[in-house]
Amino acid sequence: MHEVKTITLDEADQLLLAENFKSTVEILASSMRDSQLVLVSATKLDDTEPFFRQTEKKPQVIEVTPKTRATENVEHLYMEVENRDKATLIRRLEHVSGMRALVFVRDKPRMDILLEKLAYDGVKAAGIHGDIRRDVRKKKPCKILKKGN
């Protein structure tokens, strides 16, 4: 690590969490003192002061903000629907151009039943719940939504 000139920490918000903080600092401590450190995060890094105190680095923050926010082009609606009617409503909403939906159910068994009904009808949907590994929870629904299905 003594020849490394630049270290990039992707997902820095996760690496600076309490459970990862010590390991991150230890890895950086094994690098050259004058190496460049780049922290990248899609979310704003709020409390980085303790980290920079330990690494003795002086941060330069670069924030990238889009010209228009995605929410400016999005209309949000809230519909309260009985469990027995959710699959029917989702099938109908599927035909609305540009429609994206988040559907909440009370528990995992109900979610599984709803997903089975939607799959039977050919509606692409993904479910997330606490029993699924975190990395899978992040990727699976996003993959389906990005495809526009």
N, C-alpha and C. Protein backbone atom coordinates (compact mmCIF):
# COMPACT_ATOMS: atom_id res chain seq x y z
N MET A 1 0.82 -1.21 0.00
CA MET A 1 0.00 0.00 0.00
C MET A 1 0.86 1.26 0.00
N HIS A 2 2.17 1.11 0.19
CA HIS A 2 3.01 2.30 0.27
C HIS A 2 3.30 2.92 -1.08
N GLU A 3 2.87 2.28 -2.16
CA GLU A 3 3.06 2.86 -3.49
C GLU A 3 1.76 3.39 -4.07
N VAL A 4 0.67 3.19 -3.38
CA VAL A 4 -0.64 3.65 -3.84
C VAL A 4 -0.74 5.16 -3.68
N LYS A 5 -1.08 5.85 -4.78
CA LYS A 5 -1.14 7.31 -4.73
C LYS A 5 -2.56 7.84 -4.57
N THR A 6 -3.55 7.07 -5.02
CA THR A 6 -4.93 7.50 -4.91
C THR A 6 -5.78 6.34 -4.40
N ILE A 7 -6.62 6.64 -3.42
CA ILE A 7 -7.54 5.65 -2.87
C ILE A 7 -8.95 6.19 -3.06
N THR A 8 -9.80 5.39 -3.68
CA THR A 8 -11.19 5.80 -3.90
C THR A 8 -12.10 4.92 -3.05
N LEU A 9 -12.91 5.55 -2.22
CA LEU A 9 -13.89 4.83 -1.41
C LEU A 9 -15.26 5.06 -2.03
N ASP A 10 -15.75 4.07 -2.76
CA ASP A 10 -17.09 4.15 -3.33
C ASP A 10 -18.07 3.72 -2.25
N GLU A 11 -19.29 4.24 -2.31
CA GLU A 11 -20.28 3.99 -1.26
C GLU A 11 -19.72 4.43 0.09
N ALA A 12 -19.09 5.59 0.10
CA ALA A 12 -18.42 6.09 1.31
C ALA A 12 -19.37 6.20 2.49
N ASP A 13 -20.63 6.50 2.23
CA ASP A 13 -21.59 6.60 3.33
C ASP A 13 -21.67 5.28 4.10
N GLN A 14 -21.55 4.16 3.40
CA GLN A 14 -21.57 2.85 4.06
C GLN A 14 -20.25 2.54 4.77
N LEU A 15 -19.16 2.94 4.15
CA LEU A 15 -17.84 2.65 4.73
C LEU A 15 -17.56 3.48 5.98
N LEU A 16 -18.28 4.59 6.14
CA LEU A 16 -18.07 5.44 7.32
C LEU A 16 -19.06 5.16 8.44
N LEU A 17 -19.94 4.18 8.25
CA LEU A 17 -20.84 3.78 9.33
C LEU A 17 -20.02 3.18 10.47
N ALA A 18 -20.57 3.23 11.66
CA ALA A 18 -19.85 2.77 12.86
C ALA A 18 -19.25 1.38 12.69
N GLU A 19 -20.01 0.44 12.09
CA GLU A 19 -19.51 -0.93 11.99
C GLU A 19 -18.36 -1.09 10.99
N ASN A 20 -18.19 -0.13 10.08
CA ASN A 20 -17.11 -0.21 9.08
C ASN A 20 -16.00 0.81 9.32
N PHE A 21 -16.26 1.76 10.20
CA PHE A 21 -15.37 2.91 10.39
C PHE A 21 -13.95 2.48 10.73
N LYS A 22 -13.80 1.64 11.73
CA LYS A 22 -12.46 1.23 12.19
C LYS A 22 -11.67 0.55 11.08
N SER A 23 -12.30 -0.37 10.37
CA SER A 23 -11.62 -1.09 9.28
C SER A 23 -11.19 -0.13 8.18
N THR A 24 -12.07 0.82 7.84
CA THR A 24 -11.75 1.79 6.80
C THR A 24 -10.53 2.62 7.19
N VAL A 25 -10.52 3.11 8.42
CA VAL A 25 -9.39 3.92 8.90
C VAL A 25 -8.11 3.10 8.92
N GLU A 26 -8.19 1.83 9.33
CA GLU A 26 -7.00 0.97 9.37
C GLU A 26 -6.41 0.75 7.98
N ILE A 27 -7.27 0.54 7.01
CA ILE A 27 -6.79 0.35 5.63
C ILE A 27 -6.09 1.61 5.15
N LEU A 28 -6.70 2.76 5.40
CA LEU A 28 -6.11 4.03 4.96
C LEU A 28 -4.81 4.33 5.69
N ALA A 29 -4.71 3.90 6.93
CA ALA A 29 -3.49 4.14 7.71
C ALA A 29 -2.30 3.41 7.11
N SER A 30 -2.54 2.34 6.37
CA SER A 30 -1.44 1.60 5.78
C SER A 30 -0.96 2.21 4.46
N SER A 31 -1.62 3.27 4.01
CA SER A 31 -1.22 3.92 2.75
C SER A 31 -0.26 5.08 3.03
N MET A 32 0.30 5.61 1.95
CA MET A 32 1.21 6.75 2.10
C MET A 32 0.46 7.94 2.66
N ARG A 33 1.15 8.72 3.45
CA ARG A 33 0.55 9.89 4.09
C ARG A 33 0.05 10.91 3.07
N ASP A 34 0.76 11.05 1.95
CA ASP A 34 0.38 12.07 0.97
C ASP A 34 -0.48 11.51 -0.15
N SER A 35 -1.01 10.31 0.02
CA SER A 35 -1.89 9.75 -1.01
C SER A 35 -3.20 10.53 -1.05
N GLN A 36 -3.76 10.59 -2.24
CA GLN A 36 -5.03 11.30 -2.42
C GLN A 36 -6.17 10.36 -2.03
N LEU A 37 -7.13 10.90 -1.32
CA LEU A 37 -8.28 10.12 -0.87
C LEU A 37 -9.54 10.69 -1.52
N VAL A 38 -10.29 9.85 -2.22
CA VAL A 38 -11.52 10.27 -2.88
C VAL A 38 -12.67 9.47 -2.27
N LEU A 39 -13.65 10.19 -1.72
CA LEU A 39 -14.85 9.56 -1.17
C LEU A 39 -16.00 9.85 -2.12
N VAL A 40 -16.70 8.81 -2.55
CA VAL A 40 -17.80 8.97 -3.48
C VAL A 40 -19.05 8.38 -2.85
N SER A 41 -20.15 9.13 -2.94
CA SER A 41 -21.41 8.65 -2.38
C SER A 41 -22.58 9.29 -3.11
N ALA A 42 -23.60 8.50 -3.38
CA ALA A 42 -24.81 9.05 -4.00
C ALA A 42 -25.63 9.84 -3.00
N THR A 43 -25.41 9.57 -1.72
CA THR A 43 -26.11 10.32 -0.67
C THR A 43 -25.12 11.27 -0.02
N LYS A 44 -25.65 12.35 0.52
CA LYS A 44 -24.79 13.36 1.14
C LYS A 44 -24.14 12.80 2.39
N LEU A 45 -22.85 13.04 2.50
CA LEU A 45 -22.09 12.61 3.67
C LEU A 45 -22.17 13.71 4.71
N ASP A 46 -22.94 13.49 5.76
CA ASP A 46 -23.15 14.54 6.75
C ASP A 46 -22.03 14.66 7.77
N ASP A 47 -21.75 13.59 8.48
CA ASP A 47 -20.82 13.70 9.59
C ASP A 47 -19.49 13.01 9.27
N THR A 48 -18.66 13.69 8.49
CA THR A 48 -17.37 13.11 8.10
C THR A 48 -16.22 13.66 8.95
N GLU A 49 -16.52 14.61 9.82
CA GLU A 49 -15.46 15.25 10.62
C GLU A 49 -14.62 14.24 11.42
N PRO A 50 -15.22 13.29 12.14
CA PRO A 50 -14.40 12.33 12.89
C PRO A 50 -13.46 11.53 11.97
N PHE A 51 -13.95 11.20 10.80
CA PHE A 51 -13.14 10.44 9.85
C PHE A 51 -11.93 11.25 9.41
N PHE A 52 -12.16 12.48 9.02
CA PHE A 52 -11.05 13.30 8.52
C PHE A 52 -10.07 13.68 9.64
N ARG A 53 -10.56 13.77 10.87
CA ARG A 53 -9.64 14.00 12.00
C ARG A 53 -8.68 12.83 12.14
N GLN A 54 -9.19 11.61 12.02
CA GLN A 54 -8.35 10.42 12.18
C GLN A 54 -7.40 10.21 11.01
N THR A 55 -7.80 10.61 9.81
CA THR A 55 -6.95 10.40 8.64
C THR A 55 -6.03 11.58 8.38
N GLU A 56 -6.25 12.67 9.08
CA GLU A 56 -5.45 13.90 8.92
C GLU A 56 -5.51 14.42 7.49
N LYS A 57 -6.62 14.25 6.84
CA LYS A 57 -6.83 14.77 5.48
C LYS A 57 -7.75 15.97 5.56
N LYS A 58 -7.52 16.94 4.68
CA LYS A 58 -8.39 18.12 4.62
C LYS A 58 -9.33 17.94 3.42
N PRO A 59 -10.62 17.85 3.69
CA PRO A 59 -11.55 17.55 2.59
C PRO A 59 -11.86 18.75 1.70
N GLN A 60 -12.09 18.45 0.45
CA GLN A 60 -12.64 19.41 -0.50
C GLN A 60 -13.92 18.75 -1.01
N VAL A 61 -15.05 19.35 -0.73
CA VAL A 61 -16.34 18.75 -1.06
C VAL A 61 -16.80 19.25 -2.43
N ILE A 62 -17.17 18.31 -3.28
CA ILE A 62 -17.72 18.64 -4.59
C ILE A 62 -19.11 18.02 -4.65
N GLU A 63 -20.12 18.86 -4.75
CA GLU A 63 -21.50 18.36 -4.83
C GLU A 63 -22.00 18.52 -6.25
N VAL A 64 -22.64 17.49 -6.74
CA VAL A 64 -23.21 17.52 -8.07
C VAL A 64 -24.72 17.52 -7.92
N THR A 65 -25.35 18.54 -8.45
CA THR A 65 -26.82 18.60 -8.40
C THR A 65 -27.35 18.71 -9.82
N PRO A 66 -28.35 17.92 -10.14
CA PRO A 66 -28.93 17.99 -11.49
C PRO A 66 -29.66 19.31 -11.70
N LYS A 67 -29.79 19.70 -12.97
CA LYS A 67 -30.49 20.94 -13.29
C LYS A 67 -31.96 20.86 -12.91
N THR A 68 -32.54 19.72 -13.13
CA THR A 68 -33.93 19.53 -12.70
C THR A 68 -33.98 18.29 -11.83
N ARG A 69 -34.78 18.38 -10.82
CA ARG A 69 -34.94 17.23 -9.93
C ARG A 69 -35.97 16.28 -10.54
N ALA A 70 -35.74 15.01 -10.36
CA ALA A 70 -36.66 14.01 -10.90
C ALA A 70 -38.07 14.20 -10.38
N THR A 71 -38.19 14.66 -9.14
CA THR A 71 -39.51 14.81 -8.55
C THR A 71 -40.32 15.93 -9.18
N GLU A 72 -39.66 16.84 -9.90
CA GLU A 72 -40.41 17.90 -10.57
C GLU A 72 -41.26 17.35 -11.70
N ASN A 73 -40.85 16.22 -12.25
CA ASN A 73 -41.56 15.63 -13.38
C ASN A 73 -42.43 14.45 -12.97
N VAL A 74 -42.63 14.28 -11.68
CA VAL A 74 -43.36 13.12 -11.18
C VAL A 74 -44.60 13.57 -10.41
N GLU A 75 -45.69 12.92 -10.68
CA GLU A 75 -46.91 13.17 -9.91
C GLU A 75 -47.10 11.98 -8.97
N HIS A 76 -47.24 12.27 -7.70
CA HIS A 76 -47.40 11.22 -6.70
C HIS A 76 -48.86 11.09 -6.31
N LEU A 77 -49.32 9.86 -6.26
CA LEU A 77 -50.69 9.58 -5.83
C LEU A 77 -50.65 8.54 -4.72
N TYR A 78 -51.61 8.60 -3.84
CA TYR A 78 -51.72 7.63 -2.75
C TYR A 78 -53.09 6.99 -2.85
N MET A 79 -53.14 5.68 -2.88
CA MET A 79 -54.41 4.97 -2.94
C MET A 79 -54.42 3.90 -1.86
N GLU A 80 -55.44 3.92 -1.05
CA GLU A 80 -55.59 2.88 -0.04
C GLU A 80 -56.55 1.84 -0.60
N VAL A 81 -56.07 0.60 -0.69
CA VAL A 81 -56.82 -0.45 -1.36
C VAL A 81 -56.82 -1.70 -0.48
N GLU A 82 -57.94 -2.38 -0.45
CA GLU A 82 -58.02 -3.66 0.27
C GLU A 82 -57.06 -4.66 -0.37
N ASN A 83 -56.53 -5.56 0.43
CA ASN A 83 -55.58 -6.56 -0.08
C ASN A 83 -56.16 -7.33 -1.26
N ARG A 84 -57.41 -7.71 -1.17
CA ARG A 84 -58.01 -8.54 -2.22
C ARG A 84 -58.11 -7.79 -3.55
N ASP A 85 -58.05 -6.44 -3.53
CA ASP A 85 -58.19 -5.64 -4.75
C ASP A 85 -56.86 -5.15 -5.33
N LYS A 86 -55.77 -5.39 -4.64
CA LYS A 86 -54.48 -4.82 -5.07
C LYS A 86 -54.04 -5.36 -6.43
N ALA A 87 -54.12 -6.66 -6.64
CA ALA A 87 -53.67 -7.24 -7.91
C ALA A 87 -54.47 -6.66 -9.08
N THR A 88 -55.77 -6.53 -8.90
CA THR A 88 -56.62 -5.98 -9.96
C THR A 88 -56.24 -4.55 -10.27
N LEU A 89 -56.04 -3.74 -9.25
CA LEU A 89 -55.67 -2.34 -9.46
C LEU A 89 -54.31 -2.23 -10.14
N ILE A 90 -53.36 -3.04 -9.72
CA ILE A 90 -52.02 -3.00 -10.32
C ILE A 90 -52.09 -3.39 -11.80
N ARG A 91 -52.88 -4.39 -12.13
CA ARG A 91 -53.05 -4.78 -13.54
C ARG A 91 -53.61 -3.62 -14.34
N ARG A 92 -54.54 -2.89 -13.78
CA ARG A 92 -55.12 -1.74 -14.49
C ARG A 92 -54.10 -0.62 -14.64
N LEU A 93 -53.34 -0.36 -13.58
CA LEU A 93 -52.34 0.71 -13.62
C LEU A 93 -51.22 0.40 -14.60
N GLU A 94 -50.98 -0.87 -14.84
CA GLU A 94 -49.92 -1.27 -15.76
C GLU A 94 -50.14 -0.69 -17.16
N HIS A 95 -51.37 -0.43 -17.50
CA HIS A 95 -51.70 0.07 -18.84
C HIS A 95 -51.59 1.58 -18.95
N VAL A 96 -51.34 2.27 -17.85
CA VAL A 96 -51.17 3.72 -17.88
C VAL A 96 -49.74 4.01 -18.32
N SER A 97 -49.59 4.80 -19.36
CA SER A 97 -48.27 5.11 -19.91
C SER A 97 -47.36 5.77 -18.87
N GLY A 98 -46.15 5.25 -18.73
CA GLY A 98 -45.17 5.82 -17.81
C GLY A 98 -45.42 5.54 -16.34
N MET A 99 -46.37 4.69 -16.06
CA MET A 99 -46.73 4.41 -14.67
C MET A 99 -45.66 3.60 -13.96
N ARG A 100 -45.34 4.03 -12.77
CA ARG A 100 -44.47 3.29 -11.85
C ARG A 100 -45.23 3.25 -10.53
N ALA A 101 -45.11 2.17 -9.80
CA ALA A 101 -45.87 2.07 -8.56
C ALA A 101 -45.07 1.37 -7.47
N LEU A 102 -45.26 1.84 -6.26
CA LEU A 102 -44.78 1.16 -5.07
C LEU A 102 -46.03 0.68 -4.35
N VAL A 103 -46.05 -0.58 -4.01
CA VAL A 103 -47.21 -1.16 -3.36
C VAL A 103 -46.76 -1.71 -2.01
N PHE A 104 -47.45 -1.33 -0.98
CA PHE A 104 -47.09 -1.79 0.36
C PHE A 104 -48.12 -2.80 0.85
N VAL A 105 -47.61 -3.88 1.42
CA VAL A 105 -48.47 -4.88 2.04
C VAL A 105 -48.01 -5.07 3.48
N ARG A 106 -48.88 -5.61 4.29
CA ARG A 106 -48.61 -5.69 5.73
C ARG A 106 -47.52 -6.69 6.10
N ASP A 107 -47.42 -7.80 5.37
CA ASP A 107 -46.45 -8.82 5.76
C ASP A 107 -45.98 -9.62 4.55
N LYS A 108 -44.95 -10.43 4.75
CA LYS A 108 -44.33 -11.19 3.68
C LYS A 108 -45.29 -12.20 3.02
N PRO A 109 -46.07 -12.97 3.77
CA PRO A 109 -46.99 -13.90 3.10
C PRO A 109 -47.96 -13.19 2.14
N ARG A 110 -48.47 -12.03 2.53
CA ARG A 110 -49.37 -11.29 1.63
C ARG A 110 -48.62 -10.79 0.40
N MET A 111 -47.37 -10.38 0.60
CA MET A 111 -46.56 -9.94 -0.52
C MET A 111 -46.34 -11.09 -1.49
N ASP A 112 -46.02 -12.26 -0.97
CA ASP A 112 -45.79 -13.43 -1.82
C ASP A 112 -47.03 -13.78 -2.63
N ILE A 113 -48.19 -13.72 -2.00
CA ILE A 113 -49.46 -14.02 -2.70
C ILE A 113 -49.69 -13.00 -3.81
N LEU A 114 -49.48 -11.72 -3.50
CA LEU A 114 -49.67 -10.66 -4.50
C LEU A 114 -48.71 -10.85 -5.67
N LEU A 115 -47.45 -11.16 -5.38
CA LEU A 115 -46.47 -11.37 -6.45
C LEU A 115 -46.85 -12.57 -7.32
N GLU A 116 -47.37 -13.63 -6.71
CA GLU A 116 -47.81 -14.80 -7.48
C GLU A 116 -48.96 -14.43 -8.42
N LYS A 117 -49.93 -13.67 -7.92
CA LYS A 117 -51.06 -13.24 -8.75
C LYS A 117 -50.58 -12.39 -9.92
N LEU A 118 -49.67 -11.46 -9.64
CA LEU A 118 -49.17 -10.58 -10.69
C LEU A 118 -48.36 -11.36 -11.73
N ALA A 119 -47.53 -12.30 -11.27
CA ALA A 119 -46.74 -13.12 -12.19
C ALA A 119 -47.67 -13.95 -13.09
N TYR A 120 -48.73 -14.49 -12.51
CA TYR A 120 -49.70 -15.28 -13.27
C TYR A 120 -50.31 -14.44 -14.39
N ASP A 121 -50.54 -13.15 -14.11
CA ASP A 121 -51.13 -12.25 -15.10
C ASP A 121 -50.09 -11.60 -16.00
N GLY A 122 -48.81 -11.96 -15.83
CA GLY A 122 -47.76 -11.42 -16.69
C GLY A 122 -47.28 -10.03 -16.31
N VAL A 123 -47.60 -9.60 -15.11
CA VAL A 123 -47.15 -8.28 -14.63
C VAL A 123 -45.80 -8.45 -13.96
N LYS A 124 -44.81 -7.71 -14.43
CA LYS A 124 -43.48 -7.79 -13.83
C LYS A 124 -43.46 -6.97 -12.55
N ALA A 125 -43.07 -7.63 -11.47
CA ALA A 125 -43.04 -6.97 -10.16
C ALA A 125 -41.95 -7.61 -9.32
N ALA A 126 -41.50 -6.88 -8.34
CA ALA A 126 -40.49 -7.41 -7.41
C ALA A 126 -40.92 -7.06 -6.00
N GLY A 127 -40.58 -7.94 -5.08
CA GLY A 127 -40.91 -7.70 -3.69
C GLY A 127 -39.65 -7.58 -2.86
N ILE A 128 -39.69 -6.72 -1.88
CA ILE A 128 -38.57 -6.63 -0.95
C ILE A 128 -39.10 -6.72 0.47
N HIS A 129 -38.31 -7.37 1.32
CA HIS A 129 -38.67 -7.51 2.73
C HIS A 129 -37.40 -7.75 3.51
N GLY A 130 -37.49 -7.72 4.80
CA GLY A 130 -36.33 -7.79 5.67
C GLY A 130 -35.54 -9.09 5.64
N ASP A 131 -36.12 -10.18 5.14
CA ASP A 131 -35.41 -11.46 5.09
C ASP A 131 -34.47 -11.57 3.90
N ILE A 132 -34.58 -10.65 2.95
CA ILE A 132 -33.73 -10.67 1.77
C ILE A 132 -32.44 -9.91 2.09
N ARG A 133 -31.30 -10.45 1.63
CA ARG A 133 -30.03 -9.77 1.86
C ARG A 133 -30.09 -8.33 1.33
N ARG A 134 -29.43 -7.44 2.00
CA ARG A 134 -29.49 -6.02 1.69
C ARG A 134 -29.07 -5.72 0.24
N ASP A 135 -28.01 -6.32 -0.25
CA ASP A 135 -27.56 -6.05 -1.61
C ASP A 135 -28.59 -6.50 -2.63
N VAL A 136 -29.28 -7.60 -2.37
CA VAL A 136 -30.33 -8.09 -3.27
C VAL A 136 -31.54 -7.17 -3.20
N ARG A 137 -31.88 -6.70 -1.98
CA ARG A 137 -33.02 -5.78 -1.82
C ARG A 137 -32.81 -4.53 -2.65
N LYS A 138 -31.59 -4.06 -2.73
CA LYS A 138 -31.31 -2.84 -3.49
C LYS A 138 -31.37 -3.07 -4.99
N LYS A 139 -30.86 -4.19 -5.46
CA LYS A 139 -30.69 -4.41 -6.89
C LYS A 139 -31.94 -4.93 -7.59
N LYS A 140 -32.61 -5.90 -7.01
CA LYS A 140 -33.70 -6.59 -7.69
C LYS A 140 -34.83 -5.66 -8.13
N PRO A 141 -35.44 -4.88 -7.23
CA PRO A 141 -36.52 -4.00 -7.68
C PRO A 141 -36.02 -2.91 -8.62
N CYS A 142 -34.83 -2.40 -8.38
CA CYS A 142 -34.29 -1.34 -9.23
C CYS A 142 -34.09 -1.83 -10.65
N LYS A 143 -33.65 -3.07 -10.79
CA LYS A 143 -33.43 -3.65 -12.11
C LYS A 143 -34.75 -3.68 -12.90
N ILE A 144 -35.81 -4.08 -12.24
CA ILE A 144 -37.12 -4.15 -12.89
C ILE A 144 -37.62 -2.75 -13.24
N LEU A 145 -37.48 -1.80 -12.31
CA LEU A 145 -37.96 -0.44 -12.56
C LEU A 145 -37.18 0.25 -13.66
N LYS A 146 -35.87 0.02 -13.73
CA LYS A 146 -35.05 0.66 -14.76
C LYS A 146 -35.43 0.19 -16.15
N LYS A 147 -35.86 -1.06 -16.26
CA LYS A 147 -36.26 -1.59 -17.56
C LYS A 147 -37.59 -0.99 -18.02
N GLY A 148 -38.28 -0.32 -17.11
CA GLY A 148 -39.54 0.29 -17.47
C GLY A 148 -40.69 -0.67 -17.53
N ASN A 149 -40.56 -1.79 -16.89
CA ASN A 149 -41.62 -2.80 -16.90
C ASN A 149 -42.39 -2.79 -15.61
